[in-house]
Amino acid sequence: MKARTRQVAGAGVAFGLATLPLLARPWYTRWGTVGDEAREPLPGDDLVPETGSMTTMAVTIDAPPEEVWPWLVQMGQDRAGFYTYTWVENELLHLNFRNADRIVPEWQHLRVGDHVWFLPERYITPRFGPTVARIEPERALILTLGEQDQPVPATWQFVLKPTAEGGTRLLFRQRGSAAQPLATRIPSLLMEPGYFYMERKMLLGIRERAERNRPSPPRVALAT
């Protein structure tokens, strides 16, 4: 009887762990958004017109878009990193990331067609990373996954919106194509909680750096 009870309890725990990501999905797929932000049209949506999955995340940054933009432009494994958890990137996955805490001028020249690498060269798997599809300075950086000469399977969309208070609303959207085979879509859905964990940190890392590195206001000399 006790063995049967333990089996039932074990099955219940396993079921709970398996279904927890599904129950949490409505929250983490729109983390940080307010109002209609999770559904509103954004630059880059047209690249994946029929979606099989979509997440939209957002943070408010106490810095104007022109001060947030440089942190986006310099991202990449071989550049400023993605401002996430180095224990995951380096200790667990051995990706040799160096998450920058300053704007590096030589990494500010991003062009359409460039890769934003996820992996280092000579890794255990072929190097891959999204391709820059569109650049709208200080407004939108659109990256696509997959080969350039094929239909876009997924996007990474960074959109900057100025706030009335002089800050920035940074939105990050991923759109996965409904045309992808189930063999690709199902593993991606299972990995969503892990992606969320890292992407949330990426947005918070951008915010932290942009706010911490704001230029100091000029001092006003007092008349004597």
C-alpha atoms as a PDB file:
ATOM      1  CA  MET A   1       0.000   0.000   0.000  1.00  0.00           C
ATOM      2  CA  LYS A   2       2.837   2.345   0.889  1.00  0.00           C
ATOM      3  CA  ALA A   3       4.609   1.570  -2.384  1.00  0.00           C
ATOM      4  CA  ARG A   4       1.396   2.304  -4.261  1.00  0.00           C
ATOM      5  CA  THR A   5       1.048   5.599  -2.410  1.00  0.00           C
ATOM      6  CA  ARG A   6       4.608   6.560  -3.285  1.00  0.00           C
ATOM      7  CA  GLN A   7       3.985   5.730  -6.941  1.00  0.00           C
ATOM      8  CA  VAL A   8       0.875   7.874  -7.030  1.00  0.00           C
ATOM      9  CA  ALA A   9       2.671  10.721  -5.267  1.00  0.00           C
ATOM     10  CA  GLY A  10       5.615  10.435  -7.634  1.00  0.00           C
ATOM     11  CA  ALA A  11       3.324  10.483 -10.633  1.00  0.00           C
ATOM     12  CA  GLY A  12       1.574  13.547  -9.238  1.00  0.00           C
ATOM     13  CA  VAL A  13       4.860  15.391  -8.749  1.00  0.00           C
ATOM     14  CA  ALA A  14       6.033  14.455 -12.247  1.00  0.00           C
ATOM     15  CA  PHE A  15       2.742  15.607 -13.732  1.00  0.00           C
ATOM     16  CA  GLY A  16       2.949  18.869 -11.817  1.00  0.00           C
ATOM     17  CA  LEU A  17       6.491  19.552 -12.981  1.00  0.00           C
ATOM     18  CA  ALA A  18       5.524  18.749 -16.561  1.00  0.00           C
ATOM     19  CA  THR A  19       2.469  21.000 -16.581  1.00  0.00           C
ATOM     20  CA  LEU A  20       3.927  23.911 -14.587  1.00  0.00           C
ATOM     21  CA  PRO A  21       5.554  25.548 -17.650  1.00  0.00           C
ATOM     22  CA  LEU A  22       2.248  25.340 -19.515  1.00  0.00           C
ATOM     23  CA  LEU A  23       0.385  26.937 -16.621  1.00  0.00           C
ATOM     24  CA  ALA A  24       3.011  29.696 -16.373  1.00  0.00           C
ATOM     25  CA  ARG A  25       3.157  30.299 -20.136  1.00  0.00           C
ATOM     26  CA  PRO A  26       0.493  33.069 -20.252  1.00  0.00           C
ATOM     27  CA  TRP A  27       2.645  34.974 -17.745  1.00  0.00           C
ATOM     28  CA  TYR A  28       6.150  34.517 -19.128  1.00  0.00           C
ATOM     29  CA  THR A  29       5.194  34.993 -22.789  1.00  0.00           C
ATOM     30  CA  ARG A  30       4.107  38.566 -22.015  1.00  0.00           C
ATOM     31  CA  TRP A  31       6.366  39.377 -19.067  1.00  0.00           C
ATOM     32  CA  GLY A  32       6.624  43.092 -18.324  1.00  0.00           C
ATOM     33  CA  THR A  33       4.051  44.178 -20.901  1.00  0.00           C
ATOM     34  CA  VAL A  34       1.146  46.466 -20.087  1.00  0.00           C
ATOM     35  CA  GLY A  35      -2.140  47.089 -21.853  1.00  0.00           C
ATOM     36  CA  ASP A  36      -2.069  45.868 -25.451  1.00  0.00           C
ATOM     37  CA  GLU A  37       1.735  45.767 -25.798  1.00  0.00           C
ATOM     38  CA  ALA A  38       1.800  41.970 -26.096  1.00  0.00           C
ATOM     39  CA  ARG A  39      -0.505  42.092 -29.128  1.00  0.00           C
ATOM     40  CA  GLU A  40       0.216  45.425 -30.803  1.00  0.00           C
ATOM     41  CA  PRO A  41       1.941  45.392 -34.215  1.00  0.00           C
ATOM     42  CA  LEU A  42       5.696  45.930 -34.048  1.00  0.00           C
ATOM     43  CA  PRO A  43       8.402  46.433 -36.672  1.00  0.00           C
ATOM     44  CA  GLY A  44       9.471  43.039 -38.008  1.00  0.00           C
ATOM     45  CA  ASP A  45       6.106  41.296 -37.538  1.00  0.00           C
ATOM     46  CA  ASP A  46       5.700  41.103 -41.305  1.00  0.00           C
ATOM     47  CA  LEU A  47       8.719  38.825 -41.631  1.00  0.00           C
ATOM     48  CA  VAL A  48       6.745  36.012 -39.966  1.00  0.00           C
ATOM     49  CA  PRO A  49       3.129  36.662 -41.016  1.00  0.00           C
ATOM     50  CA  GLU A  50       1.773  33.305 -39.795  1.00  0.00           C
ATOM     51  CA  THR A  51       2.949  32.585 -36.271  1.00  0.00           C
ATOM     52  CA  GLY A  52       3.057  29.298 -34.433  1.00  0.00           C
ATOM     53  CA  SER A  53       4.324  30.970 -31.265  1.00  0.00           C
ATOM     54  CA  MET A  54       4.983  34.501 -30.060  1.00  0.00           C
ATOM     55  CA  THR A  55       6.369  36.079 -26.915  1.00  0.00           C
ATOM     56  CA  THR A  56       6.595  39.783 -26.092  1.00  0.00           C
ATOM     57  CA  MET A  57       8.546  41.116 -23.124  1.00  0.00           C
ATOM     58  CA  ALA A  58       9.158  44.681 -21.997  1.00  0.00           C
ATOM     59  CA  VAL A  59      11.004  46.909 -19.548  1.00  0.00           C
ATOM     60  CA  THR A  60      10.985  50.639 -18.866  1.00  0.00           C
ATOM     61  CA  ILE A  61      14.438  52.225 -18.835  1.00  0.00           C
ATOM     62  CA  ASP A  62      15.266  55.556 -17.244  1.00  0.00           C
ATOM     63  CA  ALA A  63      17.322  56.680 -20.241  1.00  0.00           C
ATOM     64  CA  PRO A  64      16.297  57.969 -23.695  1.00  0.00           C
ATOM     65  CA  PRO A  65      16.390  55.675 -26.758  1.00  0.00           C
ATOM     66  CA  GLU A  66      19.634  57.184 -28.047  1.00  0.00           C
ATOM     67  CA  GLU A  67      21.366  56.025 -24.865  1.00  0.00           C
ATOM     68  CA  VAL A  68      19.821  52.540 -24.927  1.00  0.00           C
ATOM     69  CA  TRP A  69      20.490  51.876 -28.612  1.00  0.00           C
ATOM     70  CA  PRO A  70      24.311  51.430 -28.339  1.00  0.00           C
ATOM     71  CA  TRP A  71      23.857  48.579 -25.877  1.00  0.00           C
ATOM     72  CA  LEU A  72      21.722  46.704 -28.419  1.00  0.00           C
ATOM     73  CA  VAL A  73      24.019  47.310 -31.379  1.00  0.00           C
ATOM     74  CA  GLN A  74      27.071  45.796 -29.711  1.00  0.00           C
ATOM     75  CA  MET A  75      25.495  42.503 -28.612  1.00  0.00           C
ATOM     76  CA  GLY A  76      26.949  39.157 -29.659  1.00  0.00           C
ATOM     77  CA  GLN A  77      29.124  36.353 -28.278  1.00  0.00           C
ATOM     78  CA  ASP A  78      32.298  37.795 -29.807  1.00  0.00           C
ATOM     79  CA  ARG A  79      31.390  41.351 -28.834  1.00  0.00           C
ATOM     80  CA  ALA A  80      29.564  42.686 -25.739  1.00  0.00           C
ATOM     81  CA  GLY A  81      27.665  39.503 -24.913  1.00  0.00           C
ATOM     82  CA  PHE A  82      23.945  39.528 -24.115  1.00  0.00           C
ATOM     83  CA  TYR A  83      24.156  40.886 -20.537  1.00  0.00           C
ATOM     84  CA  THR A  84      22.749  37.673 -19.061  1.00  0.00           C
ATOM     85  CA  TYR A  85      23.961  35.034 -16.568  1.00  0.00           C
ATOM     86  CA  THR A  86      27.627  34.253 -17.071  1.00  0.00           C
ATOM     87  CA  TRP A  87      27.340  31.113 -14.923  1.00  0.00           C
ATOM     88  CA  VAL A  88      25.011  29.676 -17.557  1.00  0.00           C
ATOM     89  CA  GLU A  89      26.958  30.985 -20.533  1.00  0.00           C
ATOM     90  CA  ASN A  90      30.441  30.087 -19.361  1.00  0.00           C
ATOM     91  CA  GLU A  91      30.376  27.569 -16.511  1.00  0.00           C
ATOM     92  CA  LEU A  92      27.498  25.481 -17.855  1.00  0.00           C
ATOM     93  CA  LEU A  93      27.738  25.929 -21.642  1.00  0.00           C
ATOM     94  CA  HIS A  94      31.380  27.046 -22.018  1.00  0.00           C
ATOM     95  CA  LEU A  95      30.501  29.824 -24.470  1.00  0.00           C
ATOM     96  CA  ASN A  96      33.297  32.196 -23.446  1.00  0.00           C
ATOM     97  CA  PHE A  97      31.080  35.257 -22.991  1.00  0.00           C
ATOM     98  CA  ARG A  98      32.302  38.627 -21.741  1.00  0.00           C
ATOM     99  CA  ASN A  99      29.296  40.768 -20.897  1.00  0.00           C
ATOM    100  CA  ALA A 100      30.437  44.350 -21.361  1.00  0.00           C
ATOM    101  CA  ASP A 101      29.681  47.089 -18.860  1.00  0.00           C
ATOM    102  CA  ARG A 102      30.557  49.946 -21.200  1.00  0.00           C
ATOM    103  CA  ILE A 103      29.877  51.131 -24.722  1.00  0.00           C
ATOM    104  CA  VAL A 104      32.688  49.982 -27.034  1.00  0.00           C
ATOM    105  CA  PRO A 105      33.036  52.267 -30.102  1.00  0.00           C
ATOM    106  CA  GLU A 106      34.437  49.578 -32.415  1.00  0.00           C
ATOM    107  CA  TRP A 107      31.319  47.447 -31.839  1.00  0.00           C
ATOM    108  CA  GLN A 108      28.892  50.170 -32.886  1.00  0.00           C
ATOM    109  CA  HIS A 109      29.033  49.491 -36.627  1.00  0.00           C
ATOM    110  CA  LEU A 110      26.290  46.926 -37.217  1.00  0.00           C
ATOM    111  CA  ARG A 111      24.963  46.396 -40.737  1.00  0.00           C
ATOM    112  CA  VAL A 112      22.151  44.479 -42.391  1.00  0.00           C
ATOM    113  CA  GLY A 113      23.411  40.981 -43.141  1.00  0.00           C
ATOM    114  CA  ASP A 114      25.755  40.807 -40.143  1.00  0.00           C
ATOM    115  CA  HIS A 115      25.486  37.891 -37.728  1.00  0.00           C
ATOM    116  CA  VAL A 116      24.887  38.358 -34.023  1.00  0.00           C
ATOM    117  CA  TRP A 117      26.574  35.181 -32.869  1.00  0.00           C
ATOM    118  CA  PHE A 118      25.264  32.967 -30.072  1.00  0.00           C
ATOM    119  CA  LEU A 119      28.244  30.580 -30.135  1.00  0.00           C
ATOM    120  CA  PRO A 120      32.015  30.996 -30.357  1.00  0.00           C
ATOM    121  CA  GLU A 121      34.098  29.740 -33.223  1.00  0.00           C
ATOM    122  CA  ARG A 122      35.335  26.136 -32.986  1.00  0.00           C
ATOM    123  CA  TYR A 123      32.522  25.134 -30.654  1.00  0.00           C
ATOM    124  CA  ILE A 124      31.229  21.566 -30.296  1.00  0.00           C
ATOM    125  CA  THR A 125      28.420  22.447 -32.733  1.00  0.00           C
ATOM    126  CA  PRO A 126      28.478  24.636 -35.860  1.00  0.00           C
ATOM    127  CA  ARG A 127      28.439  28.337 -35.069  1.00  0.00           C
ATOM    128  CA  PHE A 128      25.074  30.009 -35.386  1.00  0.00           C
ATOM    129  CA  GLY A 129      23.269  33.206 -34.513  1.00  0.00           C
ATOM    130  CA  PRO A 130      20.581  35.464 -35.936  1.00  0.00           C
ATOM    131  CA  THR A 131      21.135  37.726 -38.918  1.00  0.00           C
ATOM    132  CA  VAL A 132      20.491  41.461 -38.897  1.00  0.00           C
ATOM    133  CA  ALA A 133      17.472  41.990 -41.166  1.00  0.00           C
ATOM    134  CA  ARG A 134      16.612  45.633 -40.472  1.00  0.00           C
ATOM    135  CA  ILE A 135      18.107  48.543 -38.622  1.00  0.00           C
ATOM    136  CA  GLU A 136      16.151  51.651 -37.712  1.00  0.00           C
ATOM    137  CA  PRO A 137      18.616  53.580 -35.541  1.00  0.00           C
ATOM    138  CA  GLU A 138      17.341  54.319 -32.039  1.00  0.00           C
ATOM    139  CA  ARG A 139      13.984  52.695 -32.929  1.00  0.00           C
ATOM    140  CA  ALA A 140      14.209  49.055 -34.018  1.00  0.00           C
ATOM    141  CA  LEU A 141      16.731  46.249 -34.435  1.00  0.00           C
ATOM    142  CA  ILE A 142      15.259  43.232 -36.233  1.00  0.00           C
ATOM    143  CA  LEU A 143      17.098  39.915 -36.304  1.00  0.00           C
ATOM    144  CA  THR A 144      16.071  36.743 -38.106  1.00  0.00           C
ATOM    145  CA  LEU A 145      16.968  33.113 -37.486  1.00  0.00           C
ATOM    146  CA  GLY A 146      17.591  30.727 -40.340  1.00  0.00           C
ATOM    147  CA  GLU A 147      19.146  31.095 -43.773  1.00  0.00           C
ATOM    148  CA  GLN A 148      18.695  34.380 -45.626  1.00  0.00           C
ATOM    149  CA  ASP A 149      17.560  32.744 -48.869  1.00  0.00           C
ATOM    150  CA  GLN A 150      14.743  30.789 -47.168  1.00  0.00           C
ATOM    151  CA  PRO A 151      11.451  31.754 -45.483  1.00  0.00           C
ATOM    152  CA  VAL A 152      12.113  33.272 -42.050  1.00  0.00           C
ATOM    153  CA  PRO A 153      11.466  30.667 -39.314  1.00  0.00           C
ATOM    154  CA  ALA A 154      11.710  33.106 -36.400  1.00  0.00           C
ATOM    155  CA  THR A 155      12.551  36.680 -35.421  1.00  0.00           C
ATOM    156  CA  TRP A 156      14.153  38.603 -32.587  1.00  0.00           C
ATOM    157  CA  GLN A 157      12.619  42.102 -32.545  1.00  0.00           C
ATOM    158  CA  PHE A 158      13.977  44.881 -30.331  1.00  0.00           C
ATOM    159  CA  VAL A 159      11.818  48.000 -30.403  1.00  0.00           C
ATOM    160  CA  LEU A 160      12.527  51.265 -28.576  1.00  0.00           C
ATOM    161  CA  LYS A 161       9.730  53.672 -27.718  1.00  0.00           C
ATOM    162  CA  PRO A 162      10.318  57.020 -25.997  1.00  0.00           C
ATOM    163  CA  THR A 163       8.260  57.653 -22.880  1.00  0.00           C
ATOM    164  CA  ALA A 164       6.667  60.906 -21.835  1.00  0.00           C
ATOM    165  CA  GLU A 165       9.130  61.090 -18.927  1.00  0.00           C
ATOM    166  CA  GLY A 166      12.162  61.031 -21.217  1.00  0.00           C
ATOM    167  CA  GLY A 167      12.906  57.340 -20.811  1.00  0.00           C
ATOM    168  CA  THR A 168      12.515  54.306 -23.055  1.00  0.00           C
ATOM    169  CA  ARG A 169      10.089  51.462 -23.306  1.00  0.00           C
ATOM    170  CA  LEU A 170      12.124  48.521 -24.625  1.00  0.00           C
ATOM    171  CA  LEU A 171      10.050  45.734 -26.167  1.00  0.00           C
ATOM    172  CA  PHE A 172      11.493  42.387 -27.166  1.00  0.00           C
ATOM    173  CA  ARG A 173       9.429  40.080 -29.338  1.00  0.00           C
ATOM    174  CA  GLN A 174      10.024  36.621 -30.762  1.00  0.00           C
ATOM    175  CA  ARG A 175       7.825  35.238 -33.504  1.00  0.00           C
ATOM    176  CA  GLY A 176       8.096  31.612 -34.595  1.00  0.00           C
ATOM    177  CA  SER A 177       6.634  30.629 -37.938  1.00  0.00           C
ATOM    178  CA  ALA A 178       3.681  28.256 -38.091  1.00  0.00           C
ATOM    179  CA  ALA A 179       5.343  26.773 -41.181  1.00  0.00           C
ATOM    180  CA  GLN A 180       8.098  25.178 -39.097  1.00  0.00           C
ATOM    181  CA  PRO A 181       7.772  21.396 -38.759  1.00  0.00           C
ATOM    182  CA  LEU A 182       6.503  19.992 -35.466  1.00  0.00           C
ATOM    183  CA  ALA A 183       9.897  18.388 -34.929  1.00  0.00           C
ATOM    184  CA  THR A 184      11.271  21.923 -34.597  1.00  0.00           C
ATOM    185  CA  ARG A 185       8.345  23.679 -32.924  1.00  0.00           C
ATOM    186  CA  ILE A 186       7.801  21.196 -30.073  1.00  0.00           C
ATOM    187  CA  PRO A 187      11.406  21.328 -28.744  1.00  0.00           C
ATOM    188  CA  SER A 188      11.279  25.128 -28.986  1.00  0.00           C
ATOM    189  CA  LEU A 189       8.123  25.231 -26.883  1.00  0.00           C
ATOM    190  CA  LEU A 190       9.678  22.909 -24.297  1.00  0.00           C
ATOM    191  CA  MET A 191      12.704  25.207 -24.096  1.00  0.00           C
ATOM    192  CA  GLU A 192      10.633  28.381 -23.660  1.00  0.00           C
ATOM    193  CA  PRO A 193      11.021  28.590 -19.840  1.00  0.00           C
ATOM    194  CA  GLY A 194      14.799  28.428 -20.231  1.00  0.00           C
ATOM    195  CA  TYR A 195      14.740  31.049 -22.967  1.00  0.00           C
ATOM    196  CA  PHE A 196      12.585  33.254 -20.763  1.00  0.00           C
ATOM    197  CA  TYR A 197      15.042  32.937 -17.878  1.00  0.00           C
ATOM    198  CA  MET A 198      17.899  34.217 -20.046  1.00  0.00           C
ATOM    199  CA  GLU A 199      15.957  36.789 -22.071  1.00  0.00           C
ATOM    200  CA  ARG A 200      14.448  38.393 -18.987  1.00  0.00           C
ATOM    201  CA  LYS A 201      17.971  38.812 -17.629  1.00  0.00           C
ATOM    202  CA  MET A 202      19.063  40.267 -20.984  1.00  0.00           C
ATOM    203  CA  LEU A 203      16.424  43.011 -20.775  1.00  0.00           C
ATOM    204  CA  LEU A 204      17.249  43.711 -17.137  1.00  0.00           C
ATOM    205  CA  GLY A 205      20.951  43.761 -17.990  1.00  0.00           C
ATOM    206  CA  ILE A 206      20.387  46.324 -20.731  1.00  0.00           C
ATOM    207  CA  ARG A 207      18.326  48.458 -18.366  1.00  0.00           C
ATOM    208  CA  GLU A 208      20.907  48.267 -15.600  1.00  0.00           C
ATOM    209  CA  ARG A 209      23.754  49.304 -17.897  1.00  0.00           C
ATOM    210  CA  ALA A 210      21.875  52.064 -19.684  1.00  0.00           C
ATOM    211  CA  GLU A 211      20.752  53.623 -16.402  1.00  0.00           C
ATOM    212  CA  ARG A 212      24.089  53.203 -14.631  1.00  0.00           C
ATOM    213  CA  ASN A 213      26.140  54.676 -17.474  1.00  0.00           C
ATOM    214  CA  ARG A 214      24.047  57.765 -18.167  1.00  0.00           C
ATOM    215  CA  PRO A 215      26.117  60.903 -18.822  1.00  0.00           C
ATOM    216  CA  SER A 216      26.338  63.182 -15.823  1.00  0.00           C
ATOM    217  CA  PRO A 217      24.422  66.449 -16.274  1.00  0.00           C
ATOM    218  CA  PRO A 218      26.644  69.515 -16.718  1.00  0.00           C
ATOM    219  CA  ARG A 219      27.362  71.445 -13.580  1.00  0.00           C
ATOM    220  CA  VAL A 220      25.955  74.920 -13.391  1.00  0.00           C
ATOM    221  CA  ALA A 221      28.314  77.460 -11.907  1.00  0.00           C
ATOM    222  CA  LEU A 222      26.676  79.530  -9.220  1.00  0.00           C
ATOM    223  CA  ALA A 223      27.103  83.267  -9.364  1.00  0.00           C
ATOM    224  CA  THR A 224      29.150  84.704  -6.544  1.00  0.00           C
END
